[in-house]
Amino acid sequence: MNDLNDLYLLLFAVQLMKFFFSKLENLLLLSDCVGLCMIKNIMLRTFELLDLYFS
């Protein structure tokens, strides 16, 4: 059961990355602070999830 949870976590991280890259252009068009803060938060959370999966 734990492996299934890990798989769902990895799939969520992959979907989050796909969402991030699909929205990257729109985020960069926002004001500097808002766009960059959103990008930073999305990337940090995604890498935290990937780190949890692979650790």
PDB file of N, CA and C in Angstrom:
ATOM      1  N   MET A   1       0.824  -1.201   0.000  1.00  0.00           N
ATOM      2  CA  MET A   1       0.000   0.000   0.000  1.00  0.00           C
ATOM      3  C   MET A   1       0.862   1.256   0.000  1.00  0.00           C
ATOM      4  N   ASN A   2       1.992   1.196   0.701  1.00  0.00           N
ATOM      5  CA  ASN A   2       2.888   2.341   0.749  1.00  0.00           C
ATOM      6  C   ASN A   2       3.457   2.651  -0.631  1.00  0.00           C
ATOM      7  N   ASP A   3       3.752   1.606  -1.413  1.00  0.00           N
ATOM      8  CA  ASP A   3       4.258   1.817  -2.763  1.00  0.00           C
ATOM      9  C   ASP A   3       3.228   2.526  -3.626  1.00  0.00           C
ATOM     10  N   LEU A   4       1.959   2.203  -3.427  1.00  0.00           N
ATOM     11  CA  LEU A   4       0.901   2.858  -4.186  1.00  0.00           C
ATOM     12  C   LEU A   4       0.830   4.342  -3.830  1.00  0.00           C
ATOM     13  N   ASN A   5       0.976   4.661  -2.558  1.00  0.00           N
ATOM     14  CA  ASN A   5       0.998   6.066  -2.139  1.00  0.00           C
ATOM     15  C   ASN A   5       2.182   6.800  -2.751  1.00  0.00           C
ATOM     16  N   ASP A   6       3.346   6.139  -2.788  1.00  0.00           N
ATOM     17  CA  ASP A   6       4.525   6.739  -3.407  1.00  0.00           C
ATOM     18  C   ASP A   6       4.288   6.999  -4.884  1.00  0.00           C
ATOM     19  N   LEU A   7       3.628   6.060  -5.547  1.00  0.00           N
ATOM     20  CA  LEU A   7       3.340   6.229  -6.966  1.00  0.00           C
ATOM     21  C   LEU A   7       2.424   7.424  -7.193  1.00  0.00           C
ATOM     22  N   TYR A   8       1.387   7.549  -6.370  1.00  0.00           N
ATOM     23  CA  TYR A   8       0.486   8.699  -6.496  1.00  0.00           C
ATOM     24  C   TYR A   8       1.220  10.007  -6.234  1.00  0.00           C
ATOM     25  N   LEU A   9       2.130  10.012  -5.273  1.00  0.00           N
ATOM     26  CA  LEU A   9       2.909  11.205  -4.979  1.00  0.00           C
ATOM     27  C   LEU A   9       3.785  11.580  -6.165  1.00  0.00           C
ATOM     28  N   LEU A  10       4.418  10.593  -6.775  1.00  0.00           N
ATOM     29  CA  LEU A  10       5.255  10.863  -7.937  1.00  0.00           C
ATOM     30  C   LEU A  10       4.419  11.368  -9.106  1.00  0.00           C
ATOM     31  N   LEU A  11       3.269  10.741  -9.342  1.00  0.00           N
ATOM     32  CA  LEU A  11       2.399  11.196 -10.426  1.00  0.00           C
ATOM     33  C   LEU A  11       1.921  12.623 -10.182  1.00  0.00           C
ATOM     34  N   PHE A  12       1.621  12.953  -8.933  1.00  0.00           N
ATOM     35  CA  PHE A  12       1.221  14.315  -8.600  1.00  0.00           C
ATOM     36  C   PHE A  12       2.350  15.297  -8.894  1.00  0.00           C
ATOM     37  N   ALA A  13       3.576  14.924  -8.530  1.00  0.00           N
ATOM     38  CA  ALA A  13       4.721  15.797  -8.784  1.00  0.00           C
ATOM     39  C   ALA A  13       4.932  16.005 -10.279  1.00  0.00           C
ATOM     40  N   VAL A  14       4.766  14.944 -11.059  1.00  0.00           N
ATOM     41  CA  VAL A  14       4.918  15.054 -12.511  1.00  0.00           C
ATOM     42  C   VAL A  14       3.835  15.961 -13.088  1.00  0.00           C
ATOM     43  N   GLN A  15       2.601  15.781 -12.628  1.00  0.00           N
ATOM     44  CA  GLN A  15       1.511  16.637 -13.103  1.00  0.00           C
ATOM     45  C   GLN A  15       1.756  18.094 -12.716  1.00  0.00           C
ATOM     46  N   LEU A  16       2.282  18.310 -11.523  1.00  0.00           N
ATOM     47  CA  LEU A  16       2.583  19.667 -11.084  1.00  0.00           C
ATOM     48  C   LEU A  16       3.655  20.292 -11.966  1.00  0.00           C
ATOM     49  N   MET A  17       4.674  19.514 -12.323  1.00  0.00           N
ATOM     50  CA  MET A  17       5.712  20.025 -13.222  1.00  0.00           C
ATOM     51  C   MET A  17       5.138  20.347 -14.594  1.00  0.00           C
ATOM     52  N   LYS A  18       4.275  19.471 -15.117  1.00  0.00           N
ATOM     53  CA  LYS A  18       3.656  19.735 -16.415  1.00  0.00           C
ATOM     54  C   LYS A  18       2.827  21.009 -16.366  1.00  0.00           C
ATOM     55  N   PHE A  19       2.077  21.184 -15.270  1.00  0.00           N
ATOM     56  CA  PHE A  19       1.281  22.396 -15.099  1.00  0.00           C
ATOM     57  C   PHE A  19       2.190  23.614 -15.032  1.00  0.00           C
ATOM     58  N   PHE A  20       3.283  23.502 -14.268  1.00  0.00           N
ATOM     59  CA  PHE A  20       4.209  24.620 -14.117  1.00  0.00           C
ATOM     60  C   PHE A  20       4.763  25.053 -15.469  1.00  0.00           C
ATOM     61  N   PHE A  21       5.230  24.088 -16.256  1.00  0.00           N
ATOM     62  CA  PHE A  21       5.829  24.459 -17.529  1.00  0.00           C
ATOM     63  C   PHE A  21       4.794  24.973 -18.523  1.00  0.00           C
ATOM     64  N   SER A  22       3.552  24.504 -18.426  1.00  0.00           N
ATOM     65  CA  SER A  22       2.521  25.011 -19.331  1.00  0.00           C
ATOM     66  C   SER A  22       2.131  26.441 -18.972  1.00  0.00           C
ATOM     67  N   LYS A  23       2.291  26.812 -17.707  1.00  0.00           N
ATOM     68  CA  LYS A  23       1.919  28.156 -17.256  1.00  0.00           C
ATOM     69  C   LYS A  23       3.111  29.101 -17.153  1.00  0.00           C
ATOM     70  N   LEU A  24       4.303  28.616 -17.445  1.00  0.00           N
ATOM     71  CA  LEU A  24       5.512  29.409 -17.240  1.00  0.00           C
ATOM     72  C   LEU A  24       5.459  30.732 -17.990  1.00  0.00           C
ATOM     73  N   GLU A  25       5.058  30.687 -19.247  1.00  0.00           N
ATOM     74  CA  GLU A  25       5.029  31.905 -20.051  1.00  0.00           C
ATOM     75  C   GLU A  25       4.071  32.931 -19.453  1.00  0.00           C
ATOM     76  N   ASN A  26       2.886  32.475 -19.028  1.00  0.00           N
ATOM     77  CA  ASN A  26       1.919  33.397 -18.427  1.00  0.00           C
ATOM     78  C   ASN A  26       2.435  33.976 -17.115  1.00  0.00           C
ATOM     79  N   LEU A  27       3.118  33.158 -16.322  1.00  0.00           N
ATOM     80  CA  LEU A  27       3.643  33.648 -15.049  1.00  0.00           C
ATOM     81  C   LEU A  27       4.710  34.713 -15.269  1.00  0.00           C
ATOM     82  N   LEU A  28       5.519  34.536 -16.305  1.00  0.00           N
ATOM     83  CA  LEU A  28       6.582  35.501 -16.566  1.00  0.00           C
ATOM     84  C   LEU A  28       6.028  36.828 -17.057  1.00  0.00           C
ATOM     85  N   LEU A  29       4.805  36.821 -17.592  1.00  0.00           N
ATOM     86  CA  LEU A  29       4.198  38.058 -18.059  1.00  0.00           C
ATOM     87  C   LEU A  29       3.590  38.866 -16.916  1.00  0.00           C
ATOM     88  N   LEU A  30       3.421  38.249 -15.751  1.00  0.00           N
ATOM     89  CA  LEU A  30       2.900  38.979 -14.595  1.00  0.00           C
ATOM     90  C   LEU A  30       3.964  39.940 -14.078  1.00  0.00           C
ATOM     91  N   SER A  31       3.564  40.771 -13.136  1.00  0.00           N
ATOM     92  CA  SER A  31       4.548  41.673 -12.538  1.00  0.00           C
ATOM     93  C   SER A  31       5.690  40.843 -11.960  1.00  0.00           C
ATOM     94  N   ASP A  32       6.866  41.419 -11.929  1.00  0.00           N
ATOM     95  CA  ASP A  32       8.079  40.687 -11.559  1.00  0.00           C
ATOM     96  C   ASP A  32       7.939  39.920 -10.246  1.00  0.00           C
ATOM     97  N   CYS A  33       7.541  40.599  -9.192  1.00  0.00           N
ATOM     98  CA  CYS A  33       7.506  39.963  -7.869  1.00  0.00           C
ATOM     99  C   CYS A  33       6.495  38.827  -7.826  1.00  0.00           C
ATOM    100  N   VAL A  34       5.288  39.089  -8.303  1.00  0.00           N
ATOM    101  CA  VAL A  34       4.237  38.076  -8.230  1.00  0.00           C
ATOM    102  C   VAL A  34       4.618  36.850  -9.050  1.00  0.00           C
ATOM    103  N   GLY A  35       5.037  37.053 -10.290  1.00  0.00           N
ATOM    104  CA  GLY A  35       5.392  35.941 -11.165  1.00  0.00           C
ATOM    105  C   GLY A  35       6.551  35.127 -10.631  1.00  0.00           C
ATOM    106  N   LEU A  36       7.595  35.813 -10.191  1.00  0.00           N
ATOM    107  CA  LEU A  36       8.779  35.108  -9.703  1.00  0.00           C
ATOM    108  C   LEU A  36       8.500  34.385  -8.394  1.00  0.00           C
ATOM    109  N   CYS A  37       7.695  34.988  -7.516  1.00  0.00           N
ATOM    110  CA  CYS A  37       7.346  34.314  -6.257  1.00  0.00           C
ATOM    111  C   CYS A  37       6.521  33.058  -6.524  1.00  0.00           C
ATOM    112  N   MET A  38       5.598  33.137  -7.472  1.00  0.00           N
ATOM    113  CA  MET A  38       4.784  31.968  -7.804  1.00  0.00           C
ATOM    114  C   MET A  38       5.653  30.863  -8.384  1.00  0.00           C
ATOM    115  N   ILE A  39       6.555  31.230  -9.291  1.00  0.00           N
ATOM    116  CA  ILE A  39       7.451  30.243  -9.901  1.00  0.00           C
ATOM    117  C   ILE A  39       8.306  29.576  -8.826  1.00  0.00           C
ATOM    118  N   LYS A  40       8.874  30.400  -7.939  1.00  0.00           N
ATOM    119  CA  LYS A  40       9.732  29.855  -6.880  1.00  0.00           C
ATOM    120  C   LYS A  40       8.958  28.887  -5.988  1.00  0.00           C
ATOM    121  N   ASN A  41       7.761  29.269  -5.582  1.00  0.00           N
ATOM    122  CA  ASN A  41       6.966  28.415  -4.695  1.00  0.00           C
ATOM    123  C   ASN A  41       6.566  27.111  -5.371  1.00  0.00           C
ATOM    124  N   ILE A  42       6.164  27.175  -6.633  1.00  0.00           N
ATOM    125  CA  ILE A  42       5.782  25.963  -7.363  1.00  0.00           C
ATOM    126  C   ILE A  42       6.981  25.034  -7.508  1.00  0.00           C
ATOM    127  N   MET A  43       8.123  25.592  -7.882  1.00  0.00           N
ATOM    128  CA  MET A  43       9.312  24.758  -8.071  1.00  0.00           C
ATOM    129  C   MET A  43       9.770  24.142  -6.754  1.00  0.00           C
ATOM    130  N   LEU A  44       9.774  24.931  -5.686  1.00  0.00           N
ATOM    131  CA  LEU A  44      10.212  24.399  -4.394  1.00  0.00           C
ATOM    132  C   LEU A  44       9.311  23.262  -3.939  1.00  0.00           C
ATOM    133  N   ARG A  45       8.008  23.439  -4.066  1.00  0.00           N
ATOM    134  CA  ARG A  45       7.075  22.391  -3.635  1.00  0.00           C
ATOM    135  C   ARG A  45       7.241  21.132  -4.486  1.00  0.00           C
ATOM    136  N   THR A  46       7.419  21.314  -5.783  1.00  0.00           N
ATOM    137  CA  THR A  46       7.591  20.166  -6.671  1.00  0.00           C
ATOM    138  C   THR A  46       8.849  19.385  -6.311  1.00  0.00           C
ATOM    139  N   PHE A  47       9.948  20.098  -6.089  1.00  0.00           N
ATOM    140  CA  PHE A  47      11.186  19.407  -5.754  1.00  0.00           C
ATOM    141  C   PHE A  47      11.121  18.778  -4.368  1.00  0.00           C
ATOM    142  N   GLU A  48      10.362  19.378  -3.446  1.00  0.00           N
ATOM    143  CA  GLU A  48      10.157  18.743  -2.141  1.00  0.00           C
ATOM    144  C   GLU A  48       9.434  17.413  -2.308  1.00  0.00           C
ATOM    145  N   LEU A  49       8.420  17.391  -3.163  1.00  0.00           N
ATOM    146  CA  LEU A  49       7.673  16.152  -3.389  1.00  0.00           C
ATOM    147  C   LEU A  49       8.556  15.092  -4.041  1.00  0.00           C
ATOM    148  N   LEU A  50       9.352  15.500  -5.026  1.00  0.00           N
ATOM    149  CA  LEU A  50      10.255  14.547  -5.677  1.00  0.00           C
ATOM    150  C   LEU A  50      11.301  14.038  -4.687  1.00  0.00           C
ATOM    151  N   ASP A  51      11.791  14.919  -3.835  1.00  0.00           N
ATOM    152  CA  ASP A  51      12.773  14.513  -2.830  1.00  0.00           C
ATOM    153  C   ASP A  51      12.168  13.507  -1.858  1.00  0.00           C
ATOM    154  N   LEU A  52      10.916  13.740  -1.462  1.00  0.00           N
ATOM    155  CA  LEU A  52      10.239  12.781  -0.585  1.00  0.00           C
ATOM    156  C   LEU A  52      10.120  11.417  -1.251  1.00  0.00           C
ATOM    157  N   TYR A  53       9.816  11.425  -2.540  1.00  0.00           N
ATOM    158  CA  TYR A  53       9.626  10.152  -3.235  1.00  0.00           C
ATOM    159  C   TYR A  53      10.935   9.378  -3.345  1.00  0.00           C
ATOM    160  N   PHE A  54      12.006  10.067  -3.693  1.00  0.00           N
ATOM    161  CA  PHE A  54      13.262   9.374  -3.965  1.00  0.00           C
ATOM    162  C   PHE A  54      14.124   9.164  -2.726  1.00  0.00           C
ATOM    163  N   SER A  55      13.708   9.691  -1.579  1.00  0.00           N
ATOM    164  CA  SER A  55      14.532   9.501  -0.378  1.00  0.00           C
ATOM    165  C   SER A  55      14.164   8.205   0.340  1.00  0.00           C
TER     166      SER A  55
END
